[in-house]
Amino acid sequence: MKTLSSILTAVVLLCGSLNLNASDAEKGPNDIKEQVFEMIKDLDINQSELDEVSFLVDFMITPEGEIVVLNTSDDKYDNRIKATLNYKKVDTDDFISNKPYQVKVKLVK
């Protein structure tokens, strides 16, 4: 399982598949993006029939620096993403509290 996580991490980093998009959400700093990636990189997608899974995660950061997931674009992973990210602290002051951010995530088996 550790090898799978290492391969997953390498593939995702090489493809540059974790991006902050600026649709309705505020484009966030890179250090927040990297911290969110670190928190979800070990998310298990082995139950999926697909070799890769892509989804959007809409979240905000509270004044205390905690992530609150507002929505995800994939109902199958919604609860797991929320359980993984909700109320985790980000280690930066470079954010606007209570502003929506959006992260595009692509996980590969």
Foldseek 3Di string as FASTA:
>chain_A
DVVLLVVQVVVCVVVVQKAWDVDVFDHFDPQVSVVLCVLCSPPDPVVPPDQKDKKKWKWFAAPVQAIATDDMGDPVCTVVSRVRGGGDHRDDPRHDGPTIIMIIDMTGD
